[in-house]
Amino acid sequence: MERCEVVAQRLVSGEWLAGHLDDPDLRIIEVSSAPDDAEYRQGHIPGALRWYWKDALWHATNREFATPEDMASRLGRSGIAPDTTIDVYGRPVQYGAYALWVLTMAGHQDVRLLDGCSCGKMGLRCWRVFAQDCDRPFHRVHSLLTRETMRHSRFLSNR
């Protein structure tokens, strides 16, 4: 597969996301630059989890990427298994791109970024133009911290 094809598969449109909202193997994550959840409470893509970028994507003390083991644990707590497709978007948009990068570097195989729409908007703005449907409740997930997750964590650390 050529590099351009791989990049194209990583960027998804609002139309693609709308067609996959009910996919049980998809987890949508809003990555926020704000430590509080005010924007998330105002509305987000249906089913999306909220991550504050520093808490979710950085190492706790070293100001570096979280280790693959830490990311596997964080993903497991968010109900994300090694074979789950993750679609991220950011507030602002660059935080979604950062999450794509970090999750890919940690070894998660299927990470996508909500790109844009034909209207020229990106991320959540695209979603609002396309679907006009935003959730307001918080979403609870079941932790997937299992032996499988921990095996995946060990696999990632050996990459």
N, C-alpha and C. Protein backbone atom coordinates (compact mmCIF):
# COMPACT_ATOMS: atom_id res chain seq x y z
N MET A 1 0.85 -1.18 0.00
CA MET A 1 0.00 0.00 0.00
C MET A 1 0.89 1.24 0.00
N GLU A 2 0.58 2.19 -0.85
CA GLU A 2 1.37 3.40 -0.92
C GLU A 2 1.08 4.31 0.25
N ARG A 3 2.05 5.16 0.57
CA ARG A 3 1.94 6.05 1.71
C ARG A 3 0.71 6.96 1.62
N CYS A 4 0.41 7.49 0.46
CA CYS A 4 -0.75 8.37 0.30
C CYS A 4 -2.05 7.64 0.63
N GLU A 5 -2.12 6.35 0.29
CA GLU A 5 -3.32 5.57 0.59
C GLU A 5 -3.47 5.39 2.10
N VAL A 6 -2.35 5.16 2.78
CA VAL A 6 -2.40 5.01 4.24
C VAL A 6 -2.87 6.30 4.89
N VAL A 7 -2.33 7.42 4.46
CA VAL A 7 -2.75 8.72 5.01
C VAL A 7 -4.22 8.96 4.73
N ALA A 8 -4.67 8.66 3.54
CA ALA A 8 -6.08 8.87 3.18
C ALA A 8 -7.00 8.01 4.05
N GLN A 9 -6.57 6.82 4.43
CA GLN A 9 -7.38 5.97 5.29
C GLN A 9 -7.46 6.51 6.71
N ARG A 10 -6.49 7.28 7.12
CA ARG A 10 -6.46 7.85 8.47
C ARG A 10 -7.37 9.06 8.62
N LEU A 11 -7.64 9.76 7.53
CA LEU A 11 -8.51 10.94 7.57
C LEU A 11 -9.92 10.53 7.17
N VAL A 12 -10.88 10.81 8.04
CA VAL A 12 -12.26 10.44 7.74
C VAL A 12 -13.14 11.69 7.72
N SER A 13 -14.16 11.63 6.92
CA SER A 13 -15.09 12.75 6.77
C SER A 13 -16.24 12.62 7.77
N GLY A 14 -16.99 13.69 7.90
CA GLY A 14 -18.21 13.65 8.71
C GLY A 14 -19.19 12.63 8.16
N GLU A 15 -19.23 12.49 6.87
CA GLU A 15 -20.11 11.51 6.25
C GLU A 15 -19.72 10.09 6.66
N TRP A 16 -18.40 9.81 6.63
CA TRP A 16 -17.92 8.49 7.05
C TRP A 16 -18.30 8.22 8.50
N LEU A 17 -18.06 9.21 9.35
CA LEU A 17 -18.33 9.04 10.78
C LEU A 17 -19.82 8.81 11.02
N ALA A 18 -20.67 9.56 10.35
CA ALA A 18 -22.12 9.39 10.52
C ALA A 18 -22.54 7.97 10.15
N GLY A 19 -21.91 7.40 9.15
CA GLY A 19 -22.24 6.05 8.73
C GLY A 19 -21.70 4.97 9.65
N HIS A 20 -20.83 5.35 10.60
CA HIS A 20 -20.22 4.37 11.50
C HIS A 20 -20.54 4.62 12.97
N LEU A 21 -21.41 5.56 13.29
CA LEU A 21 -21.71 5.88 14.69
C LEU A 21 -22.17 4.68 15.50
N ASP A 22 -22.88 3.76 14.89
CA ASP A 22 -23.39 2.60 15.61
C ASP A 22 -22.45 1.40 15.58
N ASP A 23 -21.27 1.57 15.03
CA ASP A 23 -20.31 0.49 14.95
C ASP A 23 -19.76 0.19 16.35
N PRO A 24 -19.98 -1.01 16.88
CA PRO A 24 -19.51 -1.31 18.23
C PRO A 24 -17.99 -1.36 18.36
N ASP A 25 -17.29 -1.43 17.24
CA ASP A 25 -15.83 -1.48 17.27
C ASP A 25 -15.19 -0.10 17.04
N LEU A 26 -15.99 0.96 17.14
CA LEU A 26 -15.51 2.33 16.97
C LEU A 26 -15.66 3.08 18.28
N ARG A 27 -14.61 3.78 18.68
CA ARG A 27 -14.67 4.68 19.83
C ARG A 27 -14.25 6.07 19.35
N ILE A 28 -15.08 7.05 19.62
CA ILE A 28 -14.82 8.44 19.22
C ILE A 28 -14.30 9.18 20.44
N ILE A 29 -13.24 9.95 20.23
CA ILE A 29 -12.64 10.69 21.35
C ILE A 29 -12.46 12.15 20.95
N GLU A 30 -13.02 13.03 21.77
CA GLU A 30 -12.77 14.46 21.64
C GLU A 30 -11.56 14.79 22.50
N VAL A 31 -10.53 15.37 21.89
CA VAL A 31 -9.31 15.72 22.61
C VAL A 31 -9.32 17.24 22.79
N SER A 32 -9.33 17.66 24.05
CA SER A 32 -9.51 19.07 24.36
C SER A 32 -8.22 19.72 24.85
N SER A 33 -8.06 20.98 24.51
CA SER A 33 -6.94 21.77 25.04
C SER A 33 -7.27 22.35 26.40
N ALA A 34 -8.54 22.32 26.78
CA ALA A 34 -8.98 22.91 28.05
C ALA A 34 -9.04 21.83 29.13
N PRO A 35 -8.53 22.14 30.34
CA PRO A 35 -8.59 21.15 31.40
C PRO A 35 -10.01 20.92 31.95
N ASP A 36 -10.90 21.86 31.72
CA ASP A 36 -12.28 21.66 32.18
C ASP A 36 -13.14 21.14 31.04
N ASP A 37 -14.34 20.70 31.36
CA ASP A 37 -15.20 20.05 30.36
C ASP A 37 -16.33 20.95 29.85
N ALA A 38 -16.20 22.25 29.98
CA ALA A 38 -17.28 23.18 29.61
C ALA A 38 -17.69 23.02 28.15
N GLU A 39 -16.72 23.00 27.24
CA GLU A 39 -17.06 22.87 25.82
C GLU A 39 -17.72 21.52 25.52
N TYR A 40 -17.21 20.49 26.12
CA TYR A 40 -17.77 19.15 25.93
C TYR A 40 -19.22 19.12 26.37
N ARG A 41 -19.51 19.74 27.49
CA ARG A 41 -20.89 19.77 28.01
C ARG A 41 -21.83 20.57 27.09
N GLN A 42 -21.28 21.50 26.33
CA GLN A 42 -22.11 22.28 25.39
C GLN A 42 -22.52 21.45 24.19
N GLY A 43 -21.84 20.37 23.95
CA GLY A 43 -22.18 19.49 22.84
C GLY A 43 -20.95 18.85 22.23
N HIS A 44 -21.13 17.61 21.82
CA HIS A 44 -20.04 16.85 21.21
C HIS A 44 -20.65 15.80 20.29
N ILE A 45 -19.83 15.17 19.50
CA ILE A 45 -20.30 14.14 18.60
C ILE A 45 -20.92 13.01 19.43
N PRO A 46 -22.08 12.51 19.03
CA PRO A 46 -22.74 11.46 19.81
C PRO A 46 -21.81 10.29 20.12
N GLY A 47 -21.76 9.95 21.40
CA GLY A 47 -20.95 8.83 21.85
C GLY A 47 -19.50 9.15 22.14
N ALA A 48 -19.07 10.38 21.86
CA ALA A 48 -17.65 10.72 22.04
C ALA A 48 -17.28 10.80 23.51
N LEU A 49 -16.09 10.29 23.81
CA LEU A 49 -15.48 10.48 25.11
C LEU A 49 -14.71 11.78 25.08
N ARG A 50 -14.41 12.34 26.23
CA ARG A 50 -13.61 13.55 26.31
C ARG A 50 -12.29 13.24 26.99
N TRP A 51 -11.20 13.63 26.35
CA TRP A 51 -9.86 13.52 26.93
C TRP A 51 -9.24 14.91 26.99
N TYR A 52 -8.68 15.26 28.12
CA TYR A 52 -7.81 16.43 28.22
C TYR A 52 -6.43 15.98 27.74
N TRP A 53 -5.90 16.66 26.77
CA TRP A 53 -4.73 16.16 26.05
C TRP A 53 -3.53 15.85 26.94
N LYS A 54 -3.25 16.69 27.93
CA LYS A 54 -2.08 16.43 28.78
C LYS A 54 -2.27 15.19 29.65
N ASP A 55 -3.47 15.01 30.18
CA ASP A 55 -3.73 13.85 31.03
C ASP A 55 -3.73 12.55 30.22
N ALA A 56 -4.22 12.62 29.01
CA ALA A 56 -4.39 11.40 28.22
C ALA A 56 -3.17 11.02 27.38
N LEU A 57 -2.41 12.00 26.93
CA LEU A 57 -1.40 11.72 25.91
C LEU A 57 0.04 11.93 26.36
N TRP A 58 0.23 12.56 27.49
CA TRP A 58 1.58 12.82 27.98
C TRP A 58 1.95 11.85 29.08
N HIS A 59 3.24 11.65 29.25
CA HIS A 59 3.75 10.94 30.42
C HIS A 59 3.48 11.84 31.63
N ALA A 60 3.19 11.23 32.76
CA ALA A 60 2.78 11.99 33.95
C ALA A 60 3.84 12.97 34.46
N THR A 61 5.12 12.66 34.27
CA THR A 61 6.16 13.54 34.83
C THR A 61 7.21 14.02 33.84
N ASN A 62 7.38 13.35 32.72
CA ASN A 62 8.51 13.63 31.84
C ASN A 62 8.24 14.58 30.68
N ARG A 63 7.02 15.05 30.51
CA ARG A 63 6.66 15.92 29.39
C ARG A 63 7.03 15.29 28.05
N GLU A 64 6.79 14.00 27.96
CA GLU A 64 7.00 13.24 26.74
C GLU A 64 5.72 12.48 26.45
N PHE A 65 5.71 11.78 25.32
CA PHE A 65 4.58 10.89 25.04
C PHE A 65 4.42 9.91 26.19
N ALA A 66 3.20 9.51 26.44
CA ALA A 66 2.96 8.42 27.38
C ALA A 66 3.61 7.16 26.80
N THR A 67 4.08 6.31 27.67
CA THR A 67 4.70 5.06 27.21
C THR A 67 3.62 4.16 26.60
N PRO A 68 4.01 3.21 25.77
CA PRO A 68 3.02 2.26 25.24
C PRO A 68 2.24 1.56 26.34
N GLU A 69 2.91 1.22 27.45
CA GLU A 69 2.22 0.56 28.56
C GLU A 69 1.17 1.49 29.18
N ASP A 70 1.55 2.75 29.39
CA ASP A 70 0.60 3.72 29.95
C ASP A 70 -0.58 3.93 28.99
N MET A 71 -0.28 4.02 27.68
CA MET A 71 -1.36 4.23 26.72
C MET A 71 -2.28 3.02 26.68
N ALA A 72 -1.73 1.81 26.75
CA ALA A 72 -2.57 0.62 26.76
C ALA A 72 -3.50 0.64 27.96
N SER A 73 -2.98 1.05 29.10
CA SER A 73 -3.80 1.15 30.31
C SER A 73 -4.88 2.22 30.16
N ARG A 74 -4.51 3.37 29.65
CA ARG A 74 -5.47 4.47 29.46
C ARG A 74 -6.55 4.08 28.46
N LEU A 75 -6.14 3.43 27.38
CA LEU A 75 -7.11 2.98 26.39
C LEU A 75 -8.05 1.95 26.99
N GLY A 76 -7.50 1.02 27.75
CA GLY A 76 -8.34 0.01 28.40
C GLY A 76 -9.36 0.63 29.33
N ARG A 77 -8.95 1.63 30.10
CA ARG A 77 -9.90 2.31 31.00
C ARG A 77 -10.99 3.03 30.22
N SER A 78 -10.71 3.37 28.98
CA SER A 78 -11.69 4.05 28.12
C SER A 78 -12.51 3.06 27.29
N GLY A 79 -12.38 1.78 27.59
CA GLY A 79 -13.15 0.78 26.87
C GLY A 79 -12.62 0.48 25.48
N ILE A 80 -11.34 0.74 25.26
CA ILE A 80 -10.73 0.56 23.95
C ILE A 80 -9.81 -0.65 23.97
N ALA A 81 -10.12 -1.61 23.13
CA ALA A 81 -9.31 -2.83 22.99
C ALA A 81 -8.28 -2.62 21.88
N PRO A 82 -7.30 -3.51 21.78
CA PRO A 82 -6.29 -3.38 20.73
C PRO A 82 -6.87 -3.36 19.31
N ASP A 83 -8.03 -3.99 19.11
CA ASP A 83 -8.62 -4.03 17.76
C ASP A 83 -9.73 -2.99 17.56
N THR A 84 -9.90 -2.07 18.50
CA THR A 84 -10.91 -1.02 18.36
C THR A 84 -10.41 0.06 17.40
N THR A 85 -11.30 0.54 16.54
CA THR A 85 -10.99 1.70 15.71
C THR A 85 -11.23 2.94 16.55
N ILE A 86 -10.26 3.84 16.58
CA ILE A 86 -10.38 5.09 17.32
C ILE A 86 -10.49 6.21 16.31
N ASP A 87 -11.50 7.06 16.47
CA ASP A 87 -11.62 8.27 15.66
C ASP A 87 -11.51 9.45 16.60
N VAL A 88 -10.51 10.28 16.38
CA VAL A 88 -10.27 11.44 17.24
C VAL A 88 -10.61 12.72 16.50
N TYR A 89 -11.02 13.70 17.28
CA TYR A 89 -11.14 15.06 16.78
C TYR A 89 -10.73 15.99 17.92
N GLY A 90 -10.29 17.18 17.58
CA GLY A 90 -9.76 18.06 18.61
C GLY A 90 -10.50 19.36 18.74
N ARG A 91 -10.38 19.92 19.93
CA ARG A 91 -10.85 21.27 20.23
C ARG A 91 -9.68 22.03 20.81
N PRO A 92 -8.97 22.81 20.02
CA PRO A 92 -9.06 22.99 18.58
C PRO A 92 -8.51 21.79 17.80
N VAL A 93 -8.65 21.87 16.50
CA VAL A 93 -8.42 20.73 15.62
C VAL A 93 -7.04 20.10 15.77
N GLN A 94 -6.02 20.88 16.05
CA GLN A 94 -4.66 20.33 16.12
C GLN A 94 -4.49 19.31 17.26
N TYR A 95 -5.34 19.36 18.26
CA TYR A 95 -5.24 18.38 19.35
C TYR A 95 -5.70 17.00 18.90
N GLY A 96 -6.60 16.95 17.96
CA GLY A 96 -6.97 15.66 17.36
C GLY A 96 -5.80 15.08 16.57
N ALA A 97 -5.12 15.93 15.81
CA ALA A 97 -3.96 15.48 15.04
C ALA A 97 -2.85 15.00 15.97
N TYR A 98 -2.65 15.70 17.07
CA TYR A 98 -1.64 15.29 18.06
C TYR A 98 -2.00 13.91 18.62
N ALA A 99 -3.27 13.70 18.94
CA ALA A 99 -3.71 12.40 19.47
C ALA A 99 -3.47 11.29 18.45
N LEU A 100 -3.76 11.56 17.18
CA LEU A 100 -3.49 10.58 16.12
C LEU A 100 -2.02 10.17 16.15
N TRP A 101 -1.16 11.14 16.25
CA TRP A 101 0.28 10.91 16.26
C TRP A 101 0.69 10.08 17.48
N VAL A 102 0.26 10.50 18.67
CA VAL A 102 0.66 9.82 19.90
C VAL A 102 0.14 8.38 19.92
N LEU A 103 -1.13 8.21 19.59
CA LEU A 103 -1.71 6.86 19.61
C LEU A 103 -1.04 5.94 18.59
N THR A 104 -0.68 6.49 17.45
CA THR A 104 0.03 5.71 16.43
C THR A 104 1.43 5.34 16.93
N MET A 105 2.12 6.30 17.53
CA MET A 105 3.46 6.02 18.06
C MET A 105 3.41 5.01 19.20
N ALA A 106 2.31 4.97 19.94
CA ALA A 106 2.16 4.00 21.03
C ALA A 106 1.83 2.61 20.49
N GLY A 107 1.49 2.51 19.21
CA GLY A 107 1.28 1.22 18.60
C GLY A 107 -0.16 0.83 18.33
N HIS A 108 -1.12 1.75 18.59
CA HIS A 108 -2.50 1.37 18.28
C HIS A 108 -2.64 1.33 16.75
N GLN A 109 -3.22 0.24 16.26
CA GLN A 109 -3.21 -0.03 14.83
C GLN A 109 -4.19 0.77 14.00
N ASP A 110 -5.34 1.14 14.55
CA ASP A 110 -6.38 1.77 13.73
C ASP A 110 -6.88 3.06 14.38
N VAL A 111 -6.17 4.14 14.10
CA VAL A 111 -6.52 5.46 14.61
C VAL A 111 -6.87 6.33 13.41
N ARG A 112 -7.99 7.03 13.51
CA ARG A 112 -8.45 7.91 12.43
C ARG A 112 -8.63 9.31 12.98
N LEU A 113 -8.63 10.30 12.09
CA LEU A 113 -8.82 11.70 12.45
C LEU A 113 -9.99 12.25 11.67
N LEU A 114 -10.95 12.83 12.39
CA LEU A 114 -12.05 13.50 11.70
C LEU A 114 -11.47 14.70 10.99
N ASP A 115 -11.50 14.65 9.68
CA ASP A 115 -10.84 15.65 8.86
C ASP A 115 -11.77 16.83 8.62
N GLY A 116 -12.48 16.80 7.57
CA GLY A 116 -13.32 17.92 7.23
C GLY A 116 -14.41 17.52 6.27
N CYS A 117 -15.18 18.50 5.89
CA CYS A 117 -16.31 18.27 5.00
C CYS A 117 -16.12 19.10 3.74
N SER A 118 -16.95 18.85 2.79
CA SER A 118 -16.90 19.63 1.55
C SER A 118 -17.20 21.11 1.82
N CYS A 119 -17.78 21.41 2.98
CA CYS A 119 -18.09 22.79 3.33
C CYS A 119 -16.85 23.58 3.73
N GLY A 120 -15.72 22.89 3.90
CA GLY A 120 -14.49 23.56 4.28
C GLY A 120 -14.25 23.62 5.77
N LYS A 121 -15.17 23.16 6.57
CA LYS A 121 -15.00 23.15 8.03
C LYS A 121 -14.26 21.88 8.44
N MET A 122 -13.65 21.91 9.61
CA MET A 122 -12.90 20.75 10.08
C MET A 122 -13.43 20.30 11.43
N GLY A 123 -13.19 19.00 11.74
CA GLY A 123 -13.49 18.46 13.06
C GLY A 123 -14.94 18.62 13.46
N LEU A 124 -15.16 19.09 14.69
CA LEU A 124 -16.51 19.23 15.22
C LEU A 124 -17.33 20.23 14.40
N ARG A 125 -16.70 21.27 13.89
CA ARG A 125 -17.43 22.23 13.05
C ARG A 125 -17.99 21.56 11.81
N CYS A 126 -17.20 20.67 11.23
CA CYS A 126 -17.67 19.89 10.08
C CYS A 126 -18.87 19.05 10.49
N TRP A 127 -18.73 18.38 11.63
CA TRP A 127 -19.82 17.52 12.11
C TRP A 127 -21.10 18.33 12.27
N ARG A 128 -21.00 19.51 12.84
CA ARG A 128 -22.20 20.33 13.08
C ARG A 128 -22.85 20.75 11.77
N VAL A 129 -22.05 21.05 10.77
CA VAL A 129 -22.61 21.41 9.47
C VAL A 129 -23.26 20.20 8.82
N PHE A 130 -22.58 19.06 8.92
CA PHE A 130 -23.07 17.86 8.24
C PHE A 130 -24.26 17.24 8.97
N ALA A 131 -24.10 16.98 10.26
CA ALA A 131 -25.10 16.19 10.97
C ALA A 131 -26.00 17.01 11.88
N GLN A 132 -25.49 18.12 12.37
CA GLN A 132 -26.25 19.00 13.27
C GLN A 132 -26.75 18.26 14.50
N ASP A 133 -26.10 17.20 14.89
CA ASP A 133 -26.55 16.39 16.01
C ASP A 133 -25.41 16.29 17.01
N CYS A 134 -25.57 16.91 18.16
CA CYS A 134 -24.56 16.84 19.19
C CYS A 134 -25.17 16.34 20.48
N ASP A 135 -24.44 15.48 21.15
CA ASP A 135 -24.85 14.97 22.46
C ASP A 135 -24.42 15.95 23.54
N ARG A 136 -25.12 15.91 24.65
CA ARG A 136 -24.71 16.68 25.81
C ARG A 136 -24.37 15.83 27.03
N PRO A 137 -24.86 14.59 27.13
CA PRO A 137 -24.54 13.82 28.33
C PRO A 137 -23.10 13.31 28.32
N PHE A 138 -22.61 12.99 29.51
CA PHE A 138 -21.32 12.31 29.61
C PHE A 138 -21.53 10.86 29.24
N HIS A 139 -20.51 10.25 28.70
CA HIS A 139 -20.61 8.85 28.30
C HIS A 139 -19.77 8.01 29.23
N ARG A 140 -20.38 7.01 29.80
CA ARG A 140 -19.69 6.08 30.69
C ARG A 140 -19.26 4.88 29.85
N VAL A 141 -18.07 4.40 30.15
CA VAL A 141 -17.56 3.23 29.44
C VAL A 141 -17.17 2.16 30.46
N HIS A 142 -17.10 0.95 29.99
CA HIS A 142 -16.65 -0.16 30.81
C HIS A 142 -15.16 -0.36 30.56
N SER A 143 -14.41 -0.42 31.63
CA SER A 143 -12.98 -0.62 31.52
C SER A 143 -12.68 -1.96 30.87
N LEU A 144 -11.65 -1.98 30.04
CA LEU A 144 -11.20 -3.21 29.41
C LEU A 144 -9.83 -3.62 29.91
N LEU A 145 -9.51 -3.26 31.16
CA LEU A 145 -8.23 -3.67 31.72
C LEU A 145 -8.31 -5.15 32.01
N THR A 146 -7.80 -5.91 31.07
CA THR A 146 -7.85 -7.37 31.16
C THR A 146 -6.47 -7.92 30.87
N ARG A 147 -6.34 -9.21 30.97
CA ARG A 147 -5.06 -9.82 30.62
C ARG A 147 -4.71 -9.55 29.17
N GLU A 148 -5.73 -9.53 28.30
CA GLU A 148 -5.47 -9.25 26.88
C GLU A 148 -4.89 -7.85 26.71
N THR A 149 -5.45 -6.88 27.42
CA THR A 149 -4.94 -5.51 27.33
C THR A 149 -3.50 -5.45 27.80
N MET A 150 -3.22 -6.14 28.89
CA MET A 150 -1.86 -6.10 29.42
C MET A 150 -0.90 -6.84 28.48
N ARG A 151 -1.33 -7.94 27.84
CA ARG A 151 -0.48 -8.60 26.84
C ARG A 151 -0.21 -7.64 25.70
N HIS A 152 -1.24 -6.90 25.27
CA HIS A 152 -1.08 -5.91 24.22
C HIS A 152 -0.06 -4.86 24.65
N SER A 153 -0.12 -4.46 25.90
CA SER A 153 0.82 -3.49 26.44
C SER A 153 2.25 -4.02 26.34
N ARG A 154 2.46 -5.27 26.71
CA ARG A 154 3.80 -5.85 26.61
C ARG A 154 4.24 -5.94 25.14
N PHE A 155 3.31 -6.26 24.25
CA PHE A 155 3.62 -6.30 22.84
C PHE A 155 4.09 -4.93 22.36
N LEU A 156 3.38 -3.89 22.76
CA LEU A 156 3.74 -2.55 22.32
C LEU A 156 5.12 -2.15 22.82
N SER A 157 5.45 -2.53 24.04
CA SER A 157 6.74 -2.13 24.60
C SER A 157 7.91 -2.83 23.91
N ASN A 158 7.63 -3.92 23.20
CA ASN A 158 8.69 -4.65 22.50
C ASN A 158 8.87 -4.20 21.06
N ARG A 159 8.13 -3.20 20.64
CA ARG A 159 8.20 -2.74 19.25
C ARG A 159 9.46 -1.98 18.99
